[in-house]
């Protein structure tokens, strides 16, 4: 008999799941096959859309100081911009889904990239418009329905927030021109899952730790792994052409030191163990429409 806590199926690969633990009134589960960590049950897409439109930038999860947030994330944005400029020419269109406060937009535009962004937070869109950034209100589905086309679609710290990641990948494929690339940067499940399991043995009746904000309901719906992204990309008809550890932000003080340490551990372990190395805080995935 399957225990009740493993009766749920993984949204990424349909594998069996086990309860990882509660946090803030929600339950996180871990897939026994691909390792993805996810809320179960998922918040509805309608609820999430309303929360993002009205509350996200003021809920404490995402920095409400645009200048500070973009400064902390600048190392990540610069790395992504360097990678994107190797995937397309300056004239080829780049679309960002979940443009936030416009940190990546500013860097890409400064390099002459033909950029357009989409964002679901009305506050963030208004702030971006005030700074003259070409960021529109809406989701990837809105961009697809508007007939948007791009050589590169990039999404930074968005994939983990989605209630249906497969639909996102399918929409991205429809937007991409043949041979185009989808670049995903997002936190990964391996480290939070291991930290949570270790702490649950010591403090079995406490909420799960946030692990640097990785476990953050209802915002973080599903934390992927390389295996879960490969499973979903295959279903969407996209080829995974590269997976690598992501650079970290620099929040300052002790947190920055810990971010640097984790980055070193992640890259060193990944160079030896590859995608099976679990101690990577975030990955970058490059998928291609073939």
C-alpha atoms as a PDB file:
ATOM      1  CA  UNK A   1       0.000   0.000   0.000  1.00  0.00           C
ATOM      2  CA  UNK A   2       1.256   3.516  -0.855  1.00  0.00           C
ATOM      3  CA  UNK A   3       1.410   5.768   2.232  1.00  0.00           C
ATOM      4  CA  UNK A   4      -1.094   8.620   2.095  1.00  0.00           C
ATOM      5  CA  UNK A   5       1.684  11.189   2.063  1.00  0.00           C
ATOM      6  CA  UNK A   6       3.121   9.732  -1.180  1.00  0.00           C
ATOM      7  CA  UNK A   7      -0.211   9.350  -2.971  1.00  0.00           C
ATOM      8  CA  UNK A   8       0.177  12.713  -4.724  1.00  0.00           C
ATOM      9  CA  UNK A   9       1.750  12.871  -8.183  1.00  0.00           C
ATOM     10  CA  UNK A  10       4.536  15.242  -9.239  1.00  0.00           C
ATOM     11  CA  UNK A  11       3.393  18.058 -11.504  1.00  0.00           C
ATOM     12  CA  UNK A  12       6.681  17.872 -13.425  1.00  0.00           C
ATOM     13  CA  UNK A  13       7.148  14.154 -14.129  1.00  0.00           C
ATOM     14  CA  UNK A  14       4.073  12.366 -12.678  1.00  0.00           C
ATOM     15  CA  UNK A  15       6.306  10.564 -10.172  1.00  0.00           C
ATOM     16  CA  UNK A  16       5.216   9.692  -6.641  1.00  0.00           C
ATOM     17  CA  UNK A  17       5.819  12.281  -3.930  1.00  0.00           C
ATOM     18  CA  UNK A  18       6.472  12.315  -0.199  1.00  0.00           C
ATOM     19  CA  UNK A  19       5.640  15.027   2.290  1.00  0.00           C
ATOM     20  CA  UNK A  20       8.627  17.264   2.964  1.00  0.00           C
ATOM     21  CA  UNK A  21       6.890  19.436   5.547  1.00  0.00           C
ATOM     22  CA  UNK A  22       4.752  22.520   6.229  1.00  0.00           C
ATOM     23  CA  UNK A  23       5.595  26.176   5.848  1.00  0.00           C
ATOM     24  CA  UNK A  24       3.288  29.124   6.544  1.00  0.00           C
ATOM     25  CA  UNK A  25       0.149  27.021   6.335  1.00  0.00           C
ATOM     26  CA  UNK A  26       1.119  25.222   3.104  1.00  0.00           C
ATOM     27  CA  UNK A  27       2.605  21.761   2.583  1.00  0.00           C
ATOM     28  CA  UNK A  28       5.661  21.122   0.427  1.00  0.00           C
ATOM     29  CA  UNK A  29       6.173  17.689  -1.142  1.00  0.00           C
ATOM     30  CA  UNK A  30       9.259  16.189  -2.784  1.00  0.00           C
ATOM     31  CA  UNK A  31       9.126  14.004  -5.899  1.00  0.00           C
ATOM     32  CA  UNK A  32      10.774  10.625  -5.409  1.00  0.00           C
ATOM     33  CA  UNK A  33      11.707  10.449  -9.102  1.00  0.00           C
ATOM     34  CA  UNK A  34      12.852  13.862 -10.371  1.00  0.00           C
ATOM     35  CA  UNK A  35      13.437  15.526  -6.969  1.00  0.00           C
ATOM     36  CA  UNK A  36      11.281  18.599  -7.633  1.00  0.00           C
ATOM     37  CA  UNK A  37       9.840  20.258  -4.512  1.00  0.00           C
ATOM     38  CA  UNK A  38       6.313  21.588  -4.831  1.00  0.00           C
ATOM     39  CA  UNK A  39       3.255  22.782  -2.996  1.00  0.00           C
ATOM     40  CA  UNK A  40       0.428  20.299  -2.779  1.00  0.00           C
ATOM     41  CA  UNK A  41      -2.237  21.165  -3.520  1.00  0.00           C
ATOM     42  CA  UNK A  42      -1.219  24.009  -5.826  1.00  0.00           C
ATOM     43  CA  UNK A  43      -2.754  27.441  -5.272  1.00  0.00           C
ATOM     44  CA  UNK A  44      -5.143  28.108  -8.134  1.00  0.00           C
ATOM     45  CA  UNK A  45      -3.898  30.055 -11.148  1.00  0.00           C
ATOM     46  CA  UNK A  46      -6.617  32.644 -10.517  1.00  0.00           C
ATOM     47  CA  UNK A  47      -5.489  33.189  -6.909  1.00  0.00           C
ATOM     48  CA  UNK A  48      -1.849  33.528  -7.916  1.00  0.00           C
ATOM     49  CA  UNK A  49      -2.676  35.999 -10.679  1.00  0.00           C
ATOM     50  CA  UNK A  50      -4.573  38.198  -8.213  1.00  0.00           C
ATOM     51  CA  UNK A  51      -1.808  37.982  -5.599  1.00  0.00           C
ATOM     52  CA  UNK A  52       0.870  38.982  -8.107  1.00  0.00           C
ATOM     53  CA  UNK A  53      -1.106  41.840  -9.554  1.00  0.00           C
ATOM     54  CA  UNK A  54      -1.994  43.354  -6.188  1.00  0.00           C
ATOM     55  CA  UNK A  55       0.446  42.206  -3.496  1.00  0.00           C
ATOM     56  CA  UNK A  56       3.695  40.685  -4.769  1.00  0.00           C
ATOM     57  CA  UNK A  57       6.094  43.624  -4.529  1.00  0.00           C
ATOM     58  CA  UNK A  58       4.766  44.516  -1.068  1.00  0.00           C
ATOM     59  CA  UNK A  59       4.596  40.996   0.415  1.00  0.00           C
ATOM     60  CA  UNK A  60       8.206  40.860   1.615  1.00  0.00           C
ATOM     61  CA  UNK A  61       9.271  38.123  -0.813  1.00  0.00           C
ATOM     62  CA  UNK A  62      10.356  40.431  -3.631  1.00  0.00           C
ATOM     63  CA  UNK A  63      12.214  43.630  -2.785  1.00  0.00           C
ATOM     64  CA  UNK A  64      10.045  46.733  -3.024  1.00  0.00           C
ATOM     65  CA  UNK A  65      13.075  49.014  -3.470  1.00  0.00           C
ATOM     66  CA  UNK A  66      13.751  48.828  -7.206  1.00  0.00           C
ATOM     67  CA  UNK A  67      17.226  50.355  -7.087  1.00  0.00           C
ATOM     68  CA  UNK A  68      18.416  48.101  -4.263  1.00  0.00           C
ATOM     69  CA  UNK A  69      16.878  44.980  -5.794  1.00  0.00           C
ATOM     70  CA  UNK A  70      18.528  45.609  -9.153  1.00  0.00           C
ATOM     71  CA  UNK A  71      21.860  46.315  -7.468  1.00  0.00           C
ATOM     72  CA  UNK A  72      21.729  43.028  -5.519  1.00  0.00           C
ATOM     73  CA  UNK A  73      20.841  41.080  -8.669  1.00  0.00           C
ATOM     74  CA  UNK A  74      23.235  42.917 -10.998  1.00  0.00           C
ATOM     75  CA  UNK A  75      25.776  40.085 -11.096  1.00  0.00           C
ATOM     76  CA  UNK A  76      23.048  37.667 -12.175  1.00  0.00           C
ATOM     77  CA  UNK A  77      21.685  40.104 -14.776  1.00  0.00           C
ATOM     78  CA  UNK A  78      25.138  40.795 -16.239  1.00  0.00           C
ATOM     79  CA  UNK A  79      25.848  37.060 -16.534  1.00  0.00           C
ATOM     80  CA  UNK A  80      22.518  36.483 -18.286  1.00  0.00           C
ATOM     81  CA  UNK A  81      23.101  39.429 -20.616  1.00  0.00           C
ATOM     82  CA  UNK A  82      26.532  38.045 -21.575  1.00  0.00           C
ATOM     83  CA  UNK A  83      24.955  34.667 -22.327  1.00  0.00           C
ATOM     84  CA  UNK A  84      22.056  36.139 -24.300  1.00  0.00           C
ATOM     85  CA  UNK A  85      24.350  38.202 -26.530  1.00  0.00           C
ATOM     86  CA  UNK A  86      26.067  34.934 -27.532  1.00  0.00           C
ATOM     87  CA  UNK A  87      22.730  33.407 -28.554  1.00  0.00           C
ATOM     88  CA  UNK A  88      21.529  36.165 -30.890  1.00  0.00           C
ATOM     89  CA  UNK A  89      22.561  39.330 -32.693  1.00  0.00           C
ATOM     90  CA  UNK A  90      21.598  42.774 -31.401  1.00  0.00           C
ATOM     91  CA  UNK A  91      18.901  43.097 -34.086  1.00  0.00           C
ATOM     92  CA  UNK A  92      17.138  39.856 -33.145  1.00  0.00           C
ATOM     93  CA  UNK A  93      14.258  40.325 -30.664  1.00  0.00           C
ATOM     94  CA  UNK A  94      14.668  39.326 -27.031  1.00  0.00           C
ATOM     95  CA  UNK A  95      11.614  38.997 -24.818  1.00  0.00           C
ATOM     96  CA  UNK A  96      11.716  38.846 -21.017  1.00  0.00           C
ATOM     97  CA  UNK A  97       8.847  37.253 -19.108  1.00  0.00           C
ATOM     98  CA  UNK A  98       8.612  38.506 -15.530  1.00  0.00           C
ATOM     99  CA  UNK A  99      10.703  41.619 -16.059  1.00  0.00           C
ATOM    100  CA  UNK A 100      10.275  42.793 -12.456  1.00  0.00           C
ATOM    101  CA  UNK A 101      11.911  46.128 -11.706  1.00  0.00           C
ATOM    102  CA  UNK A 102      13.698  46.146 -15.067  1.00  0.00           C
ATOM    103  CA  UNK A 103      17.246  45.333 -13.977  1.00  0.00           C
ATOM    104  CA  UNK A 104      17.952  42.965 -16.870  1.00  0.00           C
ATOM    105  CA  UNK A 105      16.037  45.220 -19.271  1.00  0.00           C
ATOM    106  CA  UNK A 106      18.355  48.155 -18.549  1.00  0.00           C
ATOM    107  CA  UNK A 107      21.479  46.076 -19.183  1.00  0.00           C
ATOM    108  CA  UNK A 108      20.203  44.535 -22.429  1.00  0.00           C
ATOM    109  CA  UNK A 109      18.989  47.883 -23.753  1.00  0.00           C
ATOM    110  CA  UNK A 110      22.344  49.478 -22.905  1.00  0.00           C
ATOM    111  CA  UNK A 111      23.954  46.847 -25.154  1.00  0.00           C
ATOM    112  CA  UNK A 112      21.667  47.703 -28.058  1.00  0.00           C
ATOM    113  CA  UNK A 113      19.524  44.575 -27.799  1.00  0.00           C
ATOM    114  CA  UNK A 114      16.020  44.719 -29.326  1.00  0.00           C
ATOM    115  CA  UNK A 115      14.201  44.097 -26.040  1.00  0.00           C
ATOM    116  CA  UNK A 116      10.590  43.824 -24.886  1.00  0.00           C
ATOM    117  CA  UNK A 117       9.444  42.791 -21.402  1.00  0.00           C
ATOM    118  CA  UNK A 118       6.234  41.511 -19.829  1.00  0.00           C
ATOM    119  CA  UNK A 119       5.424  41.718 -16.122  1.00  0.00           C
ATOM    120  CA  UNK A 120       2.401  40.799 -13.982  1.00  0.00           C
ATOM    121  CA  UNK A 121       2.929  43.278 -11.132  1.00  0.00           C
ATOM    122  CA  UNK A 122       1.120  46.545 -11.924  1.00  0.00           C
ATOM    123  CA  UNK A 123       3.459  48.432  -9.551  1.00  0.00           C
ATOM    124  CA  UNK A 124       6.576  47.123 -11.271  1.00  0.00           C
ATOM    125  CA  UNK A 125       5.199  47.915 -14.737  1.00  0.00           C
ATOM    126  CA  UNK A 126       4.337  51.464 -13.682  1.00  0.00           C
ATOM    127  CA  UNK A 127       7.833  51.967 -12.248  1.00  0.00           C
ATOM    128  CA  UNK A 128       9.431  50.583 -15.409  1.00  0.00           C
ATOM    129  CA  UNK A 129       7.329  52.844 -17.624  1.00  0.00           C
ATOM    130  CA  UNK A 130       8.412  55.864 -15.582  1.00  0.00           C
ATOM    131  CA  UNK A 131      12.011  54.959 -16.442  1.00  0.00           C
ATOM    132  CA  UNK A 132      11.166  54.570 -20.133  1.00  0.00           C
ATOM    133  CA  UNK A 133      11.564  50.794 -20.217  1.00  0.00           C
ATOM    134  CA  UNK A 134       9.513  48.858 -22.823  1.00  0.00           C
ATOM    135  CA  UNK A 135       7.799  46.585 -20.306  1.00  0.00           C
ATOM    136  CA  UNK A 136       4.133  45.676 -20.753  1.00  0.00           C
ATOM    137  CA  UNK A 137       1.597  44.324 -18.276  1.00  0.00           C
ATOM    138  CA  UNK A 138       0.802  40.650 -18.787  1.00  0.00           C
ATOM    139  CA  UNK A 139       1.915  37.023 -18.800  1.00  0.00           C
ATOM    140  CA  UNK A 140       3.561  34.834 -21.400  1.00  0.00           C
ATOM    141  CA  UNK A 141       0.079  33.790 -22.509  1.00  0.00           C
ATOM    142  CA  UNK A 142      -0.755  37.459 -23.153  1.00  0.00           C
ATOM    143  CA  UNK A 143       2.437  37.825 -25.184  1.00  0.00           C
ATOM    144  CA  UNK A 144       1.595  34.728 -27.227  1.00  0.00           C
ATOM    145  CA  UNK A 145      -1.962  35.871 -27.866  1.00  0.00           C
ATOM    146  CA  UNK A 146      -0.618  39.245 -29.007  1.00  0.00           C
ATOM    147  CA  UNK A 147       1.366  37.416 -31.687  1.00  0.00           C
ATOM    148  CA  UNK A 148       4.768  38.255 -30.178  1.00  0.00           C
ATOM    149  CA  UNK A 149       7.844  36.577 -31.692  1.00  0.00           C
ATOM    150  CA  UNK A 150      11.389  36.423 -30.355  1.00  0.00           C
ATOM    151  CA  UNK A 151      14.740  34.794 -31.003  1.00  0.00           C
ATOM    152  CA  UNK A 152      15.391  34.559 -27.253  1.00  0.00           C
ATOM    153  CA  UNK A 153      12.863  34.380 -24.432  1.00  0.00           C
ATOM    154  CA  UNK A 154      14.427  34.894 -20.999  1.00  0.00           C
ATOM    155  CA  UNK A 155      12.804  34.412 -17.614  1.00  0.00           C
ATOM    156  CA  UNK A 156      14.705  35.127 -14.421  1.00  0.00           C
ATOM    157  CA  UNK A 157      13.344  33.836 -11.074  1.00  0.00           C
ATOM    158  CA  UNK A 158       9.893  33.204 -12.566  1.00  0.00           C
ATOM    159  CA  UNK A 159       9.694  29.490 -13.430  1.00  0.00           C
ATOM    160  CA  UNK A 160       9.405  28.448  -9.772  1.00  0.00           C
ATOM    161  CA  UNK A 161       6.353  30.700  -9.354  1.00  0.00           C
ATOM    162  CA  UNK A 162       4.239  29.085 -12.045  1.00  0.00           C
ATOM    163  CA  UNK A 163       1.199  26.920 -11.359  1.00  0.00           C
ATOM    164  CA  UNK A 164       1.619  25.250 -14.771  1.00  0.00           C
ATOM    165  CA  UNK A 165       5.206  25.183 -15.937  1.00  0.00           C
ATOM    166  CA  UNK A 166       4.439  22.947 -18.910  1.00  0.00           C
ATOM    167  CA  UNK A 167       1.985  25.490 -20.332  1.00  0.00           C
ATOM    168  CA  UNK A 168       4.670  28.154 -19.905  1.00  0.00           C
ATOM    169  CA  UNK A 169       7.147  26.081 -21.927  1.00  0.00           C
ATOM    170  CA  UNK A 170       4.582  25.430 -24.651  1.00  0.00           C
ATOM    171  CA  UNK A 171       3.774  29.157 -24.861  1.00  0.00           C
ATOM    172  CA  UNK A 172       7.484  29.974 -25.036  1.00  0.00           C
ATOM    173  CA  UNK A 173       7.913  27.506 -27.895  1.00  0.00           C
ATOM    174  CA  UNK A 174       5.094  29.203 -29.829  1.00  0.00           C
ATOM    175  CA  UNK A 175       6.716  32.631 -29.328  1.00  0.00           C
ATOM    176  CA  UNK A 176      10.205  31.465 -30.284  1.00  0.00           C
ATOM    177  CA  UNK A 177      11.327  31.587 -33.868  1.00  0.00           C
ATOM    178  CA  UNK A 178      12.703  28.284 -35.242  1.00  0.00           C
ATOM    179  CA  UNK A 179      16.071  27.638 -33.636  1.00  0.00           C
ATOM    180  CA  UNK A 180      15.374  30.220 -30.928  1.00  0.00           C
ATOM    181  CA  UNK A 181      16.296  29.842 -27.269  1.00  0.00           C
ATOM    182  CA  UNK A 182      14.489  29.912 -23.936  1.00  0.00           C
ATOM    183  CA  UNK A 183      16.753  30.923 -21.023  1.00  0.00           C
ATOM    184  CA  UNK A 184      15.470  30.051 -17.545  1.00  0.00           C
ATOM    185  CA  UNK A 185      17.162  31.109 -14.304  1.00  0.00           C
ATOM    186  CA  UNK A 186      15.566  29.803 -11.113  1.00  0.00           C
ATOM    187  CA  UNK A 187      16.288  28.380  -7.654  1.00  0.00           C
ATOM    188  CA  UNK A 188      16.654  24.623  -7.446  1.00  0.00           C
ATOM    189  CA  UNK A 189      15.125  21.983  -5.200  1.00  0.00           C
ATOM    190  CA  UNK A 190      18.181  19.955  -4.208  1.00  0.00           C
ATOM    191  CA  UNK A 191      19.638  22.117  -1.435  1.00  0.00           C
ATOM    192  CA  UNK A 192      16.319  23.159   0.201  1.00  0.00           C
ATOM    193  CA  UNK A 193      15.145  19.530   0.212  1.00  0.00           C
ATOM    194  CA  UNK A 194      18.285  18.273   1.914  1.00  0.00           C
ATOM    195  CA  UNK A 195      18.395  21.077   4.482  1.00  0.00           C
ATOM    196  CA  UNK A 196      14.702  20.524   5.253  1.00  0.00           C
ATOM    197  CA  UNK A 197      15.075  16.760   5.715  1.00  0.00           C
ATOM    198  CA  UNK A 198      18.079  17.268   7.998  1.00  0.00           C
ATOM    199  CA  UNK A 199      16.341  19.845  10.188  1.00  0.00           C
ATOM    200  CA  UNK A 200      13.124  17.819  10.373  1.00  0.00           C
ATOM    201  CA  UNK A 201      15.029  15.074  12.190  1.00  0.00           C
ATOM    202  CA  UNK A 202      16.109  17.585  14.830  1.00  0.00           C
ATOM    203  CA  UNK A 203      12.939  19.699  14.997  1.00  0.00           C
ATOM    204  CA  UNK A 204      10.185  17.427  13.629  1.00  0.00           C
ATOM    205  CA  UNK A 205       7.254  19.669  14.551  1.00  0.00           C
ATOM    206  CA  UNK A 206       8.582  22.990  13.259  1.00  0.00           C
ATOM    207  CA  UNK A 207       7.888  24.676   9.943  1.00  0.00           C
ATOM    208  CA  UNK A 208      10.382  24.103   7.161  1.00  0.00           C
ATOM    209  CA  UNK A 209      13.161  26.723   6.929  1.00  0.00           C
ATOM    210  CA  UNK A 210      13.086  29.169   4.032  1.00  0.00           C
ATOM    211  CA  UNK A 211      16.650  28.234   2.927  1.00  0.00           C
ATOM    212  CA  UNK A 212      17.547  31.692   1.589  1.00  0.00           C
ATOM    213  CA  UNK A 213      13.964  32.266   0.478  1.00  0.00           C
ATOM    214  CA  UNK A 214      13.679  29.116  -1.659  1.00  0.00           C
ATOM    215  CA  UNK A 215      10.715  27.733   0.289  1.00  0.00           C
ATOM    216  CA  UNK A 216       8.314  30.669   0.114  1.00  0.00           C
ATOM    217  CA  UNK A 217       4.624  29.796  -0.241  1.00  0.00           C
ATOM    218  CA  UNK A 218       2.455  30.667  -2.022  1.00  0.00           C
ATOM    219  CA  UNK A 219       4.956  32.405  -4.303  1.00  0.00           C
ATOM    220  CA  UNK A 220       7.245  29.437  -4.935  1.00  0.00           C
ATOM    221  CA  UNK A 221       4.939  26.768  -6.279  1.00  0.00           C
ATOM    222  CA  UNK A 222       7.442  24.267  -7.715  1.00  0.00           C
ATOM    223  CA  UNK A 223      11.216  24.301  -7.288  1.00  0.00           C
ATOM    224  CA  UNK A 224      12.691  22.362 -10.218  1.00  0.00           C
ATOM    225  CA  UNK A 225      15.726  20.154 -10.667  1.00  0.00           C
ATOM    226  CA  UNK A 226      17.610  19.488 -13.901  1.00  0.00           C
ATOM    227  CA  UNK A 227      15.697  16.193 -14.131  1.00  0.00           C
ATOM    228  CA  UNK A 228      12.302  17.882 -13.764  1.00  0.00           C
ATOM    229  CA  UNK A 229      13.142  20.573 -16.349  1.00  0.00           C
ATOM    230  CA  UNK A 230      14.269  17.900 -18.789  1.00  0.00           C
ATOM    231  CA  UNK A 231      11.013  16.000 -18.251  1.00  0.00           C
ATOM    232  CA  UNK A 232       8.864  19.073 -18.872  1.00  0.00           C
ATOM    233  CA  UNK A 233      10.965  20.311 -21.813  1.00  0.00           C
ATOM    234  CA  UNK A 234      10.532  16.939 -23.498  1.00  0.00           C
ATOM    235  CA  UNK A 235       6.762  17.169 -23.106  1.00  0.00           C
ATOM    236  CA  UNK A 236       6.794  20.682 -24.590  1.00  0.00           C
ATOM    237  CA  UNK A 237       8.945  19.706 -27.557  1.00  0.00           C
ATOM    238  CA  UNK A 238      11.990  21.738 -26.500  1.00  0.00           C
ATOM    239  CA  UNK A 239      15.582  20.500 -26.391  1.00  0.00           C
ATOM    240  CA  UNK A 240      17.731  21.212 -23.324  1.00  0.00           C
ATOM    241  CA  UNK A 241      21.073  22.339 -24.720  1.00  0.00           C
ATOM    242  CA  UNK A 242      22.773  23.576 -21.546  1.00  0.00           C
ATOM    243  CA  UNK A 243      22.406  23.368 -17.755  1.00  0.00           C
ATOM    244  CA  UNK A 244      24.782  25.176 -15.404  1.00  0.00           C
ATOM    245  CA  UNK A 245      24.910  26.667 -11.898  1.00  0.00           C
ATOM    246  CA  UNK A 246      23.658  30.232 -11.752  1.00  0.00           C
ATOM    247  CA  UNK A 247      25.655  33.080 -10.258  1.00  0.00           C
ATOM    248  CA  UNK A 248      24.240  34.487  -7.033  1.00  0.00           C
ATOM    249  CA  UNK A 249      23.171  37.961  -6.080  1.00  0.00           C
ATOM    250  CA  UNK A 250      25.108  40.029  -3.581  1.00  0.00           C
ATOM    251  CA  UNK A 251      22.893  41.126  -0.690  1.00  0.00           C
ATOM    252  CA  UNK A 252      25.715  42.524   1.437  1.00  0.00           C
ATOM    253  CA  UNK A 253      27.220  41.537   4.781  1.00  0.00           C
ATOM    254  CA  UNK A 254      27.146  37.934   6.000  1.00  0.00           C
ATOM    255  CA  UNK A 255      24.493  36.995   3.460  1.00  0.00           C
ATOM    256  CA  UNK A 256      26.851  37.913   0.610  1.00  0.00           C
ATOM    257  CA  UNK A 257      29.599  35.780   2.133  1.00  0.00           C
ATOM    258  CA  UNK A 258      27.223  32.828   2.326  1.00  0.00           C
ATOM    259  CA  UNK A 259      26.115  33.433  -1.266  1.00  0.00           C
ATOM    260  CA  UNK A 260      29.731  33.399  -2.431  1.00  0.00           C
ATOM    261  CA  UNK A 261      30.428  30.206  -0.464  1.00  0.00           C
ATOM    262  CA  UNK A 262      27.375  28.471  -1.893  1.00  0.00           C
ATOM    263  CA  UNK A 263      28.328  29.571  -5.401  1.00  0.00           C
ATOM    264  CA  UNK A 264      31.822  28.083  -5.013  1.00  0.00           C
ATOM    265  CA  UNK A 265      30.436  24.819  -3.592  1.00  0.00           C
ATOM    266  CA  UNK A 266      27.835  24.633  -6.348  1.00  0.00           C
ATOM    267  CA  UNK A 267      30.237  25.211  -9.218  1.00  0.00           C
ATOM    268  CA  UNK A 268      32.940  22.933  -7.808  1.00  0.00           C
ATOM    269  CA  UNK A 269      30.549  20.052  -7.186  1.00  0.00           C
ATOM    270  CA  UNK A 270      28.823  20.558 -10.527  1.00  0.00           C
ATOM    271  CA  UNK A 271      32.154  20.354 -12.359  1.00  0.00           C
ATOM    272  CA  UNK A 272      32.698  16.900 -10.833  1.00  0.00           C
ATOM    273  CA  UNK A 273      29.199  15.445 -10.485  1.00  0.00           C
ATOM    274  CA  UNK A 274      27.311  17.369 -13.131  1.00  0.00           C
ATOM    275  CA  UNK A 275      23.541  17.658 -12.857  1.00  0.00           C
ATOM    276  CA  UNK A 276      23.366  15.091 -10.044  1.00  0.00           C
ATOM    277  CA  UNK A 277      25.174  17.495  -7.669  1.00  0.00           C
ATOM    278  CA  UNK A 278      22.402  18.699  -5.323  1.00  0.00           C
ATOM    279  CA  UNK A 279      24.130  21.619  -3.583  1.00  0.00           C
ATOM    280  CA  UNK A 280      23.415  24.249  -6.207  1.00  0.00           C
ATOM    281  CA  UNK A 281      21.218  27.122  -5.075  1.00  0.00           C
ATOM    282  CA  UNK A 282      20.020  27.998  -8.572  1.00  0.00           C
ATOM    283  CA  UNK A 283      20.499  26.759 -12.125  1.00  0.00           C
ATOM    284  CA  UNK A 284      20.371  28.323 -15.560  1.00  0.00           C
ATOM    285  CA  UNK A 285      18.698  26.239 -18.270  1.00  0.00           C
ATOM    286  CA  UNK A 286      18.993  26.963 -21.981  1.00  0.00           C
ATOM    287  CA  UNK A 287      16.311  25.277 -24.080  1.00  0.00           C
ATOM    288  CA  UNK A 288      16.003  25.434 -27.868  1.00  0.00           C
ATOM    289  CA  UNK A 289      13.114  25.249 -30.273  1.00  0.00           C
ATOM    290  CA  UNK A 290      14.249  22.754 -32.905  1.00  0.00           C
END
